[in-house]
C-alpha atoms as a PDB file:
ATOM      1  CA  MET A   1      -0.095  -0.303  -0.404  1.00  0.00           C
ATOM      2  CA  ALA A   2       1.159   3.392  -1.111  1.00  0.00           C
ATOM      3  CA  GLU A   3       2.315   5.398   1.963  1.00  0.00           C
ATOM      4  CA  GLU A   4      -0.172   8.251   1.290  1.00  0.00           C
ATOM      5  CA  GLN A   5      -3.193   5.897   1.349  1.00  0.00           C
ATOM      6  CA  ARG A   6      -1.629   4.515   4.534  1.00  0.00           C
ATOM      7  CA  ARG A   7      -1.717   7.667   6.392  1.00  0.00           C
ATOM      8  CA  GLY A   8      -5.369   8.831   4.689  1.00  0.00           C
ATOM      9  CA  ARG A   9      -6.507   5.553   6.187  1.00  0.00           C
ATOM     10  CA  ARG A  10      -5.455   6.438   9.632  1.00  0.00           C
ATOM     11  CA  GLY A  11      -8.655   8.115  11.782  1.00  0.00           C
ATOM     12  CA  GLY A  12     -11.592   9.401  10.494  1.00  0.00           C
ATOM     13  CA  VAL A  13     -12.289  12.923   9.017  1.00  0.00           C
ATOM     14  CA  ASP A  14     -11.696  14.541  12.512  1.00  0.00           C
ATOM     15  CA  THR A  15      -8.517  13.131  13.523  1.00  0.00           C
ATOM     16  CA  SER A  16      -6.676  11.779  10.334  1.00  0.00           C
ATOM     17  CA  VAL A  17      -3.490  13.700  10.258  1.00  0.00           C
ATOM     18  CA  ARG A  18      -4.765  14.687   6.584  1.00  0.00           C
ATOM     19  CA  THR A  19      -8.546  15.878   7.163  1.00  0.00           C
ATOM     20  CA  SER A  20      -8.205  17.361  10.665  1.00  0.00           C
ATOM     21  CA  ALA A  21      -6.959  20.824  10.695  1.00  0.00           C
ATOM     22  CA  VAL A  22      -9.617  21.238   7.600  1.00  0.00           C
ATOM     23  CA  TRP A  23     -12.626  19.269   8.891  1.00  0.00           C
ATOM     24  CA  ASP A  24     -12.348  21.478  12.196  1.00  0.00           C
ATOM     25  CA  SER A  25     -12.279  24.931  10.136  1.00  0.00           C
ATOM     26  CA  VAL A  26     -15.770  23.388   8.120  1.00  0.00           C
ATOM     27  CA  ARG A  27     -17.105  22.150  11.250  1.00  0.00           C
ATOM     28  CA  ASP A  28     -17.004  25.324  12.975  1.00  0.00           C
ATOM     29  CA  LEU A  29     -18.162  27.274   9.688  1.00  0.00           C
ATOM     30  CA  VAL A  30     -21.282  24.882   9.581  1.00  0.00           C
ATOM     31  CA  THR A  31     -22.412  25.443  13.208  1.00  0.00           C
ATOM     32  CA  ARG A  32     -21.980  28.683  13.570  1.00  0.00           C
ATOM     33  CA  ARG A  33     -23.771  29.377  10.079  1.00  0.00           C
ATOM     34  CA  SER A  34     -26.253  27.127  11.024  1.00  0.00           C
ATOM     35  CA  GLY A  35     -26.986  28.936  14.319  1.00  0.00           C
ATOM     36  CA  GLU A  36     -27.084  32.259  12.624  1.00  0.00           C
ATOM     37  CA  LEU A  37     -29.769  31.071  10.025  1.00  0.00           C
ATOM     38  CA  GLY A  38     -31.611  28.963  12.584  1.00  0.00           C
ATOM     39  CA  ARG A  39     -31.783  25.853  10.138  1.00  0.00           C
ATOM     40  CA  PRO A  40     -29.704  22.691   8.370  1.00  0.00           C
ATOM     41  CA  LEU A  41     -27.772  24.267   5.740  1.00  0.00           C
ATOM     42  CA  ARG A  42     -27.814  23.821   2.288  1.00  0.00           C
ATOM     43  CA  VAL A  43     -24.708  22.526   1.063  1.00  0.00           C
ATOM     44  CA  VAL A  44     -22.910  21.674  -2.379  1.00  0.00           C
ATOM     45  CA  ASP A  45     -20.038  19.408  -2.400  1.00  0.00           C
ATOM     46  CA  LEU A  46     -18.230  19.822  -5.732  1.00  0.00           C
ATOM     47  CA  GLY A  47     -15.782  16.993  -6.859  1.00  0.00           C
ATOM     48  CA  GLY A  48     -17.201  15.373  -3.161  1.00  0.00           C
ATOM     49  CA  GLY A  49     -16.323  11.367  -4.861  1.00  0.00           C
ATOM     50  CA  THR A  50     -17.735   9.093  -2.242  1.00  0.00           C
ATOM     51  CA  GLY A  51     -18.517  11.407   0.320  1.00  0.00           C
ATOM     52  CA  GLY A  52     -15.570  11.729   2.880  1.00  0.00           C
ATOM     53  CA  LEU A  53     -16.582  15.606   3.700  1.00  0.00           C
ATOM     54  CA  ALA A  54     -20.476  15.245   2.634  1.00  0.00           C
ATOM     55  CA  VAL A  55     -20.892  12.490   4.786  1.00  0.00           C
ATOM     56  CA  PRO A  56     -19.828  13.986   8.110  1.00  0.00           C
ATOM     57  CA  ILE A  57     -21.657  17.123   7.165  1.00  0.00           C
ATOM     58  CA  ALA A  58     -24.702  15.487   6.882  1.00  0.00           C
ATOM     59  CA  ALA A  59     -24.347  13.824   9.899  1.00  0.00           C
ATOM     60  CA  LEU A  60     -24.194  16.900  11.840  1.00  0.00           C
ATOM     61  CA  GLY A  61     -28.241  17.024  10.358  1.00  0.00           C
ATOM     62  CA  HIS A  62     -27.243  19.360   7.151  1.00  0.00           C
ATOM     63  CA  HIS A  63     -28.317  18.534   3.336  1.00  0.00           C
ATOM     64  CA  VAL A  64     -25.277  17.705   0.886  1.00  0.00           C
ATOM     65  CA  THR A  65     -25.313  17.797  -3.178  1.00  0.00           C
ATOM     66  CA  VAL A  66     -22.552  16.021  -4.068  1.00  0.00           C
ATOM     67  CA  VAL A  67     -21.226  16.567  -7.519  1.00  0.00           C
ATOM     68  CA  ASP A  68     -19.265  14.604  -9.204  1.00  0.00           C
ATOM     69  CA  PRO A  69     -18.418  13.144 -12.855  1.00  0.00           C
ATOM     70  CA  SER A  70     -17.473  10.035 -11.528  1.00  0.00           C
ATOM     71  CA  PRO A  71     -20.559   7.250 -11.553  1.00  0.00           C
ATOM     72  CA  ASP A  72     -18.668   4.732  -9.561  1.00  0.00           C
ATOM     73  CA  ALA A  73     -17.914   6.844  -6.647  1.00  0.00           C
ATOM     74  CA  LEU A  74     -21.713   8.241  -6.462  1.00  0.00           C
ATOM     75  CA  ALA A  75     -22.505   4.964  -6.204  1.00  0.00           C
ATOM     76  CA  ALA A  76     -20.443   4.374  -3.483  1.00  0.00           C
ATOM     77  CA  LEU A  77     -21.777   6.978  -1.688  1.00  0.00           C
ATOM     78  CA  THR A  78     -25.456   6.132  -2.198  1.00  0.00           C
ATOM     79  CA  ARG A  79     -24.577   2.724  -0.342  1.00  0.00           C
ATOM     80  CA  ARG A  80     -22.884   4.763   2.614  1.00  0.00           C
ATOM     81  CA  ALA A  81     -25.525   3.974   5.696  1.00  0.00           C
ATOM     82  CA  GLY A  82     -27.007   6.606   8.212  1.00  0.00           C
ATOM     83  CA  VAL A  83     -27.229   9.843   6.404  1.00  0.00           C
ATOM     84  CA  ALA A  84     -29.355   8.525   2.930  1.00  0.00           C
ATOM     85  CA  ASP A  85     -32.237  11.108   3.368  1.00  0.00           C
ATOM     86  CA  ARG A  86     -29.651  13.928   3.829  1.00  0.00           C
ATOM     87  CA  VAL A  87     -27.615  13.498   0.801  1.00  0.00           C
ATOM     88  CA  VAL A  88     -28.164  13.827  -2.776  1.00  0.00           C
ATOM     89  CA  ALA A  89     -25.790  12.593  -5.929  1.00  0.00           C
ATOM     90  CA  VAL A  90     -25.470  13.904  -9.044  1.00  0.00           C
ATOM     91  CA  GLN A  91     -23.233  13.248 -12.002  1.00  0.00           C
ATOM     92  CA  GLY A  92     -21.351  16.224 -13.032  1.00  0.00           C
ATOM     93  CA  ASP A  93     -18.322  18.409 -12.596  1.00  0.00           C
ATOM     94  CA  ALA A  94     -17.228  22.131 -12.672  1.00  0.00           C
ATOM     95  CA  ALA A  95     -18.377  22.676 -16.366  1.00  0.00           C
ATOM     96  CA  THR A  96     -21.547  21.833 -15.796  1.00  0.00           C
ATOM     97  CA  LEU A  97     -22.442  22.663 -11.882  1.00  0.00           C
ATOM     98  CA  LEU A  98     -25.074  25.689 -13.019  1.00  0.00           C
ATOM     99  CA  GLU A  99     -26.584  23.152 -14.981  1.00  0.00           C
ATOM    100  CA  VAL A 100     -27.304  20.491 -12.419  1.00  0.00           C
ATOM    101  CA  HIS A 101     -27.283  23.080  -9.840  1.00  0.00           C
ATOM    102  CA  PRO A 102     -28.976  26.207 -11.109  1.00  0.00           C
ATOM    103  CA  SER A 103     -30.139  27.481  -8.195  1.00  0.00           C
ATOM    104  CA  ALA A 104     -28.340  30.086  -6.046  1.00  0.00           C
ATOM    105  CA  ASP A 105     -29.497  28.736  -2.830  1.00  0.00           C
ATOM    106  CA  ALA A 106     -26.013  26.929  -1.326  1.00  0.00           C
ATOM    107  CA  ASP A 107     -24.849  28.264   2.083  1.00  0.00           C
ATOM    108  CA  LEU A 108     -21.620  26.459   1.609  1.00  0.00           C
ATOM    109  CA  VAL A 109     -20.001  25.249  -1.790  1.00  0.00           C
ATOM    110  CA  CYS A 110     -17.001  22.491  -0.905  1.00  0.00           C
ATOM    111  CA  CYS A 111     -14.391  22.406  -3.777  1.00  0.00           C
ATOM    112  CA  HIS A 112     -11.451  20.406  -2.278  1.00  0.00           C
ATOM    113  CA  GLY A 113      -8.854  18.970  -4.887  1.00  0.00           C
ATOM    114  CA  THR A 114     -10.758  20.128  -7.725  1.00  0.00           C
ATOM    115  CA  LEU A 115      -9.285  23.583  -8.548  1.00  0.00           C
ATOM    116  CA  GLU A 116      -6.095  21.913  -9.581  1.00  0.00           C
ATOM    117  CA  VAL A 117      -7.689  19.692 -12.130  1.00  0.00           C
ATOM    118  CA  VAL A 118     -10.262  21.496 -13.878  1.00  0.00           C
ATOM    119  CA  ASP A 119      -9.771  23.278 -17.369  1.00  0.00           C
ATOM    120  CA  ASP A 120     -10.078  26.589 -16.011  1.00  0.00           C
ATOM    121  CA  PRO A 121     -10.051  27.734 -12.697  1.00  0.00           C
ATOM    122  CA  ALA A 122     -11.474  31.191 -13.163  1.00  0.00           C
ATOM    123  CA  ALA A 123     -14.388  30.153 -14.772  1.00  0.00           C
ATOM    124  CA  THR A 124     -14.949  27.278 -11.822  1.00  0.00           C
ATOM    125  CA  MET A 125     -14.624  29.924  -9.294  1.00  0.00           C
ATOM    126  CA  ARG A 126     -17.593  32.060 -10.609  1.00  0.00           C
ATOM    127  CA  ALA A 127     -19.982  29.255 -11.376  1.00  0.00           C
ATOM    128  CA  VAL A 128     -19.271  28.222  -7.767  1.00  0.00           C
ATOM    129  CA  ALA A 129     -19.957  32.165  -6.592  1.00  0.00           C
ATOM    130  CA  ALA A 130     -23.214  31.534  -9.069  1.00  0.00           C
ATOM    131  CA  VAL A 131     -24.855  28.860  -6.688  1.00  0.00           C
ATOM    132  CA  LEU A 132     -24.181  30.744  -3.339  1.00  0.00           C
ATOM    133  CA  ALA A 133     -26.790  32.360  -1.877  1.00  0.00           C
ATOM    134  CA  ASP A 134     -26.342  35.763  -0.733  1.00  0.00           C
ATOM    135  CA  GLY A 135     -24.048  35.479   2.981  1.00  0.00           C
ATOM    136  CA  GLY A 136     -22.629  31.826   1.749  1.00  0.00           C
ATOM    137  CA  TYR A 137     -19.352  30.357   1.926  1.00  0.00           C
ATOM    138  CA  VAL A 138     -17.067  28.239  -0.218  1.00  0.00           C
ATOM    139  CA  SER A 139     -14.590  26.509   1.368  1.00  0.00           C
ATOM    140  CA  LEU A 140     -11.597  25.735  -0.720  1.00  0.00           C
ATOM    141  CA  LEU A 141      -8.650  23.188  -0.573  1.00  0.00           C
ATOM    142  CA  VAL A 142      -5.628  23.610  -3.166  1.00  0.00           C
ATOM    143  CA  ALA A 143      -2.414  22.049  -3.614  1.00  0.00           C
ATOM    144  CA  GLN A 144       0.355  24.711  -2.943  1.00  0.00           C
ATOM    145  CA  ARG A 145       3.673  25.261  -4.836  1.00  0.00           C
ATOM    146  CA  LEU A 146       6.273  25.464  -2.002  1.00  0.00           C
ATOM    147  CA  ALA A 147       5.367  22.029  -0.202  1.00  0.00           C
ATOM    148  CA  VAL A 148       6.555  20.003  -3.632  1.00  0.00           C
ATOM    149  CA  VAL A 149       9.647  22.358  -4.118  1.00  0.00           C
ATOM    150  CA  LEU A 150      10.340  21.286  -0.518  1.00  0.00           C
ATOM    151  CA  ALA A 151       9.492  17.648  -0.664  1.00  0.00           C
ATOM    152  CA  ARG A 152      11.322  17.198  -4.318  1.00  0.00           C
ATOM    153  CA  ALA A 153      14.955  18.923  -2.788  1.00  0.00           C
ATOM    154  CA  LEU A 154      14.767  16.465   0.204  1.00  0.00           C
ATOM    155  CA  SER A 155      14.591  13.495  -2.232  1.00  0.00           C
ATOM    156  CA  GLY A 156      17.346  14.522  -4.148  1.00  0.00           C
ATOM    157  CA  HIS A 157      15.775  16.276  -7.300  1.00  0.00           C
ATOM    158  CA  PHE A 158      17.106  19.122  -7.342  1.00  0.00           C
ATOM    159  CA  ALA A 159      16.008  20.474 -11.009  1.00  0.00           C
ATOM    160  CA  GLN A 160      12.468  19.366 -10.277  1.00  0.00           C
ATOM    161  CA  ALA A 161      12.446  21.089  -7.076  1.00  0.00           C
ATOM    162  CA  ARG A 162      13.835  24.485  -8.900  1.00  0.00           C
ATOM    163  CA  HIS A 163      10.992  23.944 -11.755  1.00  0.00           C
ATOM    164  CA  ALA A 164       8.468  23.472  -9.157  1.00  0.00           C
ATOM    165  CA  LEU A 165       9.619  26.801  -7.695  1.00  0.00           C
ATOM    166  CA  THR A 166       9.908  28.875 -10.874  1.00  0.00           C
ATOM    167  CA  SER A 167       7.363  27.432 -12.957  1.00  0.00           C
ATOM    168  CA  ASP A 168       3.900  29.433 -13.719  1.00  0.00           C
ATOM    169  CA  ASP A 169       1.912  26.170 -12.959  1.00  0.00           C
ATOM    170  CA  GLY A 170       3.974  24.752 -10.262  1.00  0.00           C
ATOM    171  CA  ARG A 171       4.345  21.490 -11.447  1.00  0.00           C
ATOM    172  CA  TRP A 172       7.818  19.892 -11.086  1.00  0.00           C
ATOM    173  CA  GLY A 173       8.226  18.809 -14.655  1.00  0.00           C
ATOM    174  CA  PRO A 174       6.059  16.973 -17.351  1.00  0.00           C
ATOM    175  CA  GLY A 175       5.467  13.626 -15.199  1.00  0.00           C
ATOM    176  CA  ASP A 176       3.833  15.828 -12.191  1.00  0.00           C
ATOM    177  CA  PRO A 177       0.401  14.113 -11.868  1.00  0.00           C
ATOM    178  CA  LEU A 178      -1.324  17.220 -11.226  1.00  0.00           C
ATOM    179  CA  PRO A 179      -2.085  19.912 -13.805  1.00  0.00           C
ATOM    180  CA  ARG A 180      -1.187  22.881 -11.241  1.00  0.00           C
ATOM    181  CA  ARG A 181      -0.516  24.033  -7.844  1.00  0.00           C
ATOM    182  CA  PHE A 182      -1.212  27.253  -6.104  1.00  0.00           C
ATOM    183  CA  ASP A 183       0.384  29.857  -4.144  1.00  0.00           C
ATOM    184  CA  ALA A 184      -2.275  31.899  -1.378  1.00  0.00           C
ATOM    185  CA  ALA A 185      -1.860  35.276  -3.576  1.00  0.00           C
ATOM    186  CA  GLY A 186      -3.019  33.362  -6.679  1.00  0.00           C
ATOM    187  CA  VAL A 187      -5.987  31.392  -4.876  1.00  0.00           C
ATOM    188  CA  ALA A 188      -7.166  35.280  -3.370  1.00  0.00           C
ATOM    189  CA  ALA A 189      -6.865  36.722  -7.184  1.00  0.00           C
ATOM    190  CA  LEU A 190      -9.134  33.754  -8.036  1.00  0.00           C
ATOM    191  CA  VAL A 191     -11.335  34.473  -5.413  1.00  0.00           C
ATOM    192  CA  SER A 192     -11.826  37.911  -5.573  1.00  0.00           C
ATOM    193  CA  GLU A 193     -12.674  38.146  -9.237  1.00  0.00           C
ATOM    194  CA  ALA A 194     -15.554  35.553  -8.935  1.00  0.00           C
ATOM    195  CA  GLY A 195     -17.069  38.366  -6.429  1.00  0.00           C
ATOM    196  CA  LEU A 196     -15.838  36.794  -2.994  1.00  0.00           C
ATOM    197  CA  THR A 197     -13.780  37.861   0.209  1.00  0.00           C
ATOM    198  CA  VAL A 198     -11.365  35.641   1.775  1.00  0.00           C
ATOM    199  CA  GLN A 199     -12.670  35.435   5.623  1.00  0.00           C
ATOM    200  CA  ASP A 200      -9.814  32.551   6.918  1.00  0.00           C
ATOM    201  CA  SER A 201      -7.007  31.030   4.962  1.00  0.00           C
ATOM    202  CA  HIS A 202      -4.120  28.850   6.277  1.00  0.00           C
ATOM    203  CA  GLY A 203      -2.068  26.079   5.202  1.00  0.00           C
ATOM    204  CA  VAL A 204      -2.537  22.446   6.317  1.00  0.00           C
ATOM    205  CA  ARG A 205      -0.760  19.330   6.084  1.00  0.00           C
ATOM    206  CA  ILE A 206       2.630  21.125   6.688  1.00  0.00           C
ATOM    207  CA  PHE A 207       4.938  18.257   8.355  1.00  0.00           C
ATOM    208  CA  SER A 208       2.477  15.137   7.858  1.00  0.00           C
ATOM    209  CA  ASP A 209       3.029  14.778   4.304  1.00  0.00           C
ATOM    210  CA  LEU A 210       7.310  14.950   4.545  1.00  0.00           C
ATOM    211  CA  VAL A 211       7.321  12.391   7.668  1.00  0.00           C
ATOM    212  CA  PRO A 212       8.232   8.589   6.660  1.00  0.00           C
ATOM    213  CA  SER A 213       5.240   5.933   7.675  1.00  0.00           C
ATOM    214  CA  ALA A 214       7.669   4.219   9.380  1.00  0.00           C
ATOM    215  CA  PHE A 215       7.886   7.217  12.352  1.00  0.00           C
ATOM    216  CA  ILE A 216       4.049   7.359  12.482  1.00  0.00           C
ATOM    217  CA  ASP A 217       3.334   3.839  13.180  1.00  0.00           C
ATOM    218  CA  SER A 218       2.139   3.954  16.705  1.00  0.00           C
ATOM    219  CA  GLU A 219      -1.242   5.695  17.645  1.00  0.00           C
ATOM    220  CA  ASP A 220       0.468   7.724  20.203  1.00  0.00           C
ATOM    221  CA  ASP A 221       3.047   8.935  17.617  1.00  0.00           C
ATOM    222  CA  ARG A 222      -0.109   9.623  15.123  1.00  0.00           C
ATOM    223  CA  LEU A 223      -1.925  11.693  17.807  1.00  0.00           C
ATOM    224  CA  LEU A 224       1.383  13.718  18.522  1.00  0.00           C
ATOM    225  CA  LEU A 225       1.834  14.688  14.739  1.00  0.00           C
ATOM    226  CA  LEU A 226      -1.570  15.910  14.432  1.00  0.00           C
ATOM    227  CA  GLU A 227      -1.280  17.797  17.693  1.00  0.00           C
ATOM    228  CA  LEU A 228       2.027  19.553  15.939  1.00  0.00           C
ATOM    229  CA  GLU A 229      -0.188  20.052  12.767  1.00  0.00           C
ATOM    230  CA  GLN A 230      -3.031  21.733  14.486  1.00  0.00           C
ATOM    231  CA  ALA A 231      -0.507  23.671  16.312  1.00  0.00           C
ATOM    232  CA  ALA A 232       1.684  25.040  13.553  1.00  0.00           C
ATOM    233  CA  SER A 233      -1.193  25.675  11.459  1.00  0.00           C
ATOM    234  CA  ARG A 234      -2.432  28.556  13.591  1.00  0.00           C
ATOM    235  CA  HIS A 235       0.385  29.802  15.583  1.00  0.00           C
ATOM    236  CA  PRO A 236       0.562  33.539  15.787  1.00  0.00           C
ATOM    237  CA  ASP A 237       3.690  33.937  15.112  1.00  0.00           C
ATOM    238  CA  TYR A 238       4.818  31.254  12.608  1.00  0.00           C
ATOM    239  CA  ALA A 239       2.422  32.014  10.127  1.00  0.00           C
ATOM    240  CA  PHE A 240       4.858  31.687   7.225  1.00  0.00           C
ATOM    241  CA  LEU A 241       4.679  27.773   8.184  1.00  0.00           C
ATOM    242  CA  GLY A 242       1.370  28.116   6.462  1.00  0.00           C
ATOM    243  CA  GLN A 243       3.050  28.497   3.071  1.00  0.00           C
ATOM    244  CA  LEU A 244       4.983  25.142   3.629  1.00  0.00           C
ATOM    245  CA  GLY A 245       1.581  23.158   3.635  1.00  0.00           C
ATOM    246  CA  ALA A 246       0.941  20.363   1.000  1.00  0.00           C
ATOM    247  CA  ALA A 247      -2.319  22.490   1.015  1.00  0.00           C
ATOM    248  CA  LEU A 248      -4.284  25.666   1.219  1.00  0.00           C
ATOM    249  CA  HIS A 249      -7.682  25.725   3.207  1.00  0.00           C
ATOM    250  CA  VAL A 250      -9.506  28.974   2.234  1.00  0.00           C
ATOM    251  CA  LEU A 251     -12.892  30.299   3.678  1.00  0.00           C
ATOM    252  CA  ALA A 252     -14.315  33.040   1.373  1.00  0.00           C
ATOM    253  CA  ARG A 253     -17.836  34.925   1.731  1.00  0.00           C
ATOM    254  CA  ARG A 254     -20.586  36.057  -0.889  1.00  0.00           C
ATOM    255  CA  ALA A 255     -21.348  39.383   0.458  1.00  0.00           C
END
């Protein structure tokens, strides 16, 4: 099993070193916004796949529409027990979002791991903004450039590290599996151009993608790493560490 897959299977969305910091932010936003509106939220999860994020949100009592191009992923989602009455699976993608969800009524749109692979990130952000209700939020999770620069350098691939640092798309070369990576300023510009305002932005997975799996073989080690990730991602004196995170999590709002 690949090292990344091993890490991903450790713990649920609230305790995994790969998802905990993001989930904390999303859960807090959902809870606060639901309290403000006095009702369950209407959530759209673009590229939500088998429901790794949608199901925990639905378990909190909210209604989630998962839009994903994969029929197999959506079939797996519909088989998940416990929240079938609050999760709707719709086949589609960023290019067809406004066709499959034409109403501007979403209180929250989750767009995690999507901007890296779409044909036009700016058009995707405009479509996301168009399905938001007034006062609605978007949760963005995107791959960051500096993390792959550091990872390539530490593995001895110095030319690839330099290419990732200087390329327009943040890729380390033709063999890179991602079409693009982002910097915080670039994401902020995309959000602003779509008519949204950034409310919060922080890097996540600062250390976990660099630590060999042998070092987090025990539950105690995994929890210690999780505590380190949580502390570093929000430390008031070391905000620069967030730029080294494998991903950037941004919460933005439509006025």
